[in-house]
């Protein structure tokens, strides 16, 4: 056995071993996750904003939900373009803004 033959990965090894996944596949999965989560949170924020707008809540509450939904929508766009780290931070920020609106309710 030579050292050069042991260091190469056989053609079928990546499919058999889950630890040897393709980095491009991981990046694609992260993009889809960031985009999907952003869309889901944006829709939830818009629905909460619409519900609070029709009720007797202070004006700040539906505005906070709407702003949080807009931030999550922006995170979804960034996530679909591959900026997953920025998308994650924007998702956290959007949820925090929506939680702030919930505290004022």
C-alpha atoms as a PDB file:
ATOM      1  CA  UNK A   1       0.000   0.000   0.000  1.00  0.00           C
ATOM      2  CA  UNK A   2       1.274   3.396  -0.862  1.00  0.00           C
ATOM      3  CA  UNK A   3       0.367   6.630   0.915  1.00  0.00           C
ATOM      4  CA  UNK A   4      -1.017   8.278  -2.211  1.00  0.00           C
ATOM      5  CA  UNK A   5      -3.654   5.583  -2.797  1.00  0.00           C
ATOM      6  CA  UNK A   6      -5.000   5.740   0.753  1.00  0.00           C
ATOM      7  CA  UNK A   7      -5.577   9.470   0.692  1.00  0.00           C
ATOM      8  CA  UNK A   8      -8.007   9.438  -2.230  1.00  0.00           C
ATOM      9  CA  UNK A   9     -11.711   8.919  -1.778  1.00  0.00           C
ATOM     10  CA  UNK A  10     -13.164   6.186  -3.988  1.00  0.00           C
ATOM     11  CA  UNK A  11     -15.979   7.176  -6.338  1.00  0.00           C
ATOM     12  CA  UNK A  12     -18.765   5.454  -4.393  1.00  0.00           C
ATOM     13  CA  UNK A  13     -17.507   6.347  -0.902  1.00  0.00           C
ATOM     14  CA  UNK A  14     -19.227   9.739  -0.760  1.00  0.00           C
ATOM     15  CA  UNK A  15     -22.604   8.124  -1.369  1.00  0.00           C
ATOM     16  CA  UNK A  16     -22.040   5.415   1.235  1.00  0.00           C
ATOM     17  CA  UNK A  17     -20.564   7.466   4.078  1.00  0.00           C
ATOM     18  CA  UNK A  18     -22.849  10.234   5.439  1.00  0.00           C
ATOM     19  CA  UNK A  19     -19.837  12.026   6.964  1.00  0.00           C
ATOM     20  CA  UNK A  20     -18.372  12.673   3.510  1.00  0.00           C
ATOM     21  CA  UNK A  21     -21.171  14.854   2.130  1.00  0.00           C
ATOM     22  CA  UNK A  22     -20.631  17.327  -0.637  1.00  0.00           C
ATOM     23  CA  UNK A  23     -20.128  20.914   0.626  1.00  0.00           C
ATOM     24  CA  UNK A  24     -22.238  22.183  -2.271  1.00  0.00           C
ATOM     25  CA  UNK A  25     -25.109  20.009  -1.061  1.00  0.00           C
ATOM     26  CA  UNK A  26     -24.763  21.455   2.443  1.00  0.00           C
ATOM     27  CA  UNK A  27     -24.789  24.993   1.034  1.00  0.00           C
ATOM     28  CA  UNK A  28     -27.873  24.256  -1.065  1.00  0.00           C
ATOM     29  CA  UNK A  29     -29.661  22.806   1.957  1.00  0.00           C
ATOM     30  CA  UNK A  30     -28.738  25.866   4.032  1.00  0.00           C
ATOM     31  CA  UNK A  31     -30.071  28.201   1.318  1.00  0.00           C
ATOM     32  CA  UNK A  32     -33.385  26.352   1.153  1.00  0.00           C
ATOM     33  CA  UNK A  33     -33.684  26.288   4.932  1.00  0.00           C
ATOM     34  CA  UNK A  34     -32.990  30.015   5.272  1.00  0.00           C
ATOM     35  CA  UNK A  35     -35.372  30.905   2.463  1.00  0.00           C
ATOM     36  CA  UNK A  36     -38.159  28.639   3.721  1.00  0.00           C
ATOM     37  CA  UNK A  37     -37.851  29.784   7.313  1.00  0.00           C
ATOM     38  CA  UNK A  38     -37.846  33.419   6.225  1.00  0.00           C
ATOM     39  CA  UNK A  39     -41.008  32.972   4.175  1.00  0.00           C
ATOM     40  CA  UNK A  40     -42.745  31.100   6.990  1.00  0.00           C
ATOM     41  CA  UNK A  41     -41.865  33.734   9.592  1.00  0.00           C
ATOM     42  CA  UNK A  42     -42.812  36.571   7.230  1.00  0.00           C
ATOM     43  CA  UNK A  43     -46.234  35.038   6.643  1.00  0.00           C
ATOM     44  CA  UNK A  44     -46.727  34.488  10.369  1.00  0.00           C
ATOM     45  CA  UNK A  45     -45.748  38.096  11.073  1.00  0.00           C
ATOM     46  CA  UNK A  46     -48.116  39.430   8.417  1.00  0.00           C
ATOM     47  CA  UNK A  47     -50.968  37.307   9.752  1.00  0.00           C
ATOM     48  CA  UNK A  48     -50.306  38.485  13.316  1.00  0.00           C
ATOM     49  CA  UNK A  49     -50.119  42.071  12.103  1.00  0.00           C
ATOM     50  CA  UNK A  50     -53.451  41.763  10.320  1.00  0.00           C
ATOM     51  CA  UNK A  51     -55.079  40.194  13.383  1.00  0.00           C
ATOM     52  CA  UNK A  52     -53.745  42.870  15.732  1.00  0.00           C
ATOM     53  CA  UNK A  53     -54.693  45.641  13.315  1.00  0.00           C
ATOM     54  CA  UNK A  54     -58.365  44.671  13.482  1.00  0.00           C
ATOM     55  CA  UNK A  55     -58.334  44.454  17.292  1.00  0.00           C
ATOM     56  CA  UNK A  56     -58.009  47.052  19.999  1.00  0.00           C
ATOM     57  CA  UNK A  57     -54.239  46.758  20.358  1.00  0.00           C
ATOM     58  CA  UNK A  58     -52.071  49.891  20.383  1.00  0.00           C
ATOM     59  CA  UNK A  59     -50.783  50.981  16.984  1.00  0.00           C
ATOM     60  CA  UNK A  60     -47.239  49.954  17.838  1.00  0.00           C
ATOM     61  CA  UNK A  61     -48.189  46.262  18.042  1.00  0.00           C
ATOM     62  CA  UNK A  62     -49.245  45.632  14.401  1.00  0.00           C
ATOM     63  CA  UNK A  63     -46.423  47.871  13.188  1.00  0.00           C
ATOM     64  CA  UNK A  64     -43.883  45.776  15.108  1.00  0.00           C
ATOM     65  CA  UNK A  65     -45.283  42.572  13.622  1.00  0.00           C
ATOM     66  CA  UNK A  66     -45.225  44.073  10.123  1.00  0.00           C
ATOM     67  CA  UNK A  67     -41.647  45.342  10.491  1.00  0.00           C
ATOM     68  CA  UNK A  68     -40.543  41.966  11.841  1.00  0.00           C
ATOM     69  CA  UNK A  69     -42.244  40.264   8.898  1.00  0.00           C
ATOM     70  CA  UNK A  70     -40.469  42.606   6.472  1.00  0.00           C
ATOM     71  CA  UNK A  71     -37.107  41.817   8.074  1.00  0.00           C
ATOM     72  CA  UNK A  72     -37.838  38.089   7.804  1.00  0.00           C
ATOM     73  CA  UNK A  73     -38.820  38.513   4.149  1.00  0.00           C
ATOM     74  CA  UNK A  74     -35.505  40.262   3.516  1.00  0.00           C
ATOM     75  CA  UNK A  75     -33.751  37.397   5.277  1.00  0.00           C
ATOM     76  CA  UNK A  76     -35.544  34.982   2.981  1.00  0.00           C
ATOM     77  CA  UNK A  77     -34.256  36.803  -0.076  1.00  0.00           C
ATOM     78  CA  UNK A  78     -30.709  36.894   1.281  1.00  0.00           C
ATOM     79  CA  UNK A  79     -30.906  33.225   2.218  1.00  0.00           C
ATOM     80  CA  UNK A  80     -32.021  32.227  -1.266  1.00  0.00           C
ATOM     81  CA  UNK A  81     -29.017  34.070  -2.698  1.00  0.00           C
ATOM     82  CA  UNK A  82     -26.590  32.189  -0.491  1.00  0.00           C
ATOM     83  CA  UNK A  83     -26.037  34.772   2.255  1.00  0.00           C
ATOM     84  CA  UNK A  84     -27.112  32.315   4.921  1.00  0.00           C
ATOM     85  CA  UNK A  85     -25.174  33.820   7.834  1.00  0.00           C
ATOM     86  CA  UNK A  86     -26.699  37.267   7.268  1.00  0.00           C
ATOM     87  CA  UNK A  87     -30.083  35.665   6.727  1.00  0.00           C
ATOM     88  CA  UNK A  88     -29.834  33.869  10.063  1.00  0.00           C
ATOM     89  CA  UNK A  89     -29.057  37.091  11.911  1.00  0.00           C
ATOM     90  CA  UNK A  90     -31.887  38.899  10.153  1.00  0.00           C
ATOM     91  CA  UNK A  91     -34.293  36.095  11.058  1.00  0.00           C
ATOM     92  CA  UNK A  92     -33.277  36.446  14.699  1.00  0.00           C
ATOM     93  CA  UNK A  93     -33.704  40.217  14.495  1.00  0.00           C
ATOM     94  CA  UNK A  94     -37.116  39.902  12.828  1.00  0.00           C
ATOM     95  CA  UNK A  95     -38.391  37.507  15.462  1.00  0.00           C
ATOM     96  CA  UNK A  96     -37.080  39.782  18.202  1.00  0.00           C
ATOM     97  CA  UNK A  97     -38.977  42.734  16.713  1.00  0.00           C
ATOM     98  CA  UNK A  98     -42.143  40.649  16.559  1.00  0.00           C
ATOM     99  CA  UNK A  99     -41.598  39.555  20.181  1.00  0.00           C
ATOM    100  CA  UNK A 100     -41.205  43.200  21.146  1.00  0.00           C
ATOM    101  CA  UNK A 101     -44.580  43.898  19.536  1.00  0.00           C
ATOM    102  CA  UNK A 102     -46.034  41.010  21.506  1.00  0.00           C
ATOM    103  CA  UNK A 103     -44.712  42.552  24.725  1.00  0.00           C
ATOM    104  CA  UNK A 104     -46.542  45.803  23.984  1.00  0.00           C
ATOM    105  CA  UNK A 105     -49.791  43.913  23.478  1.00  0.00           C
END
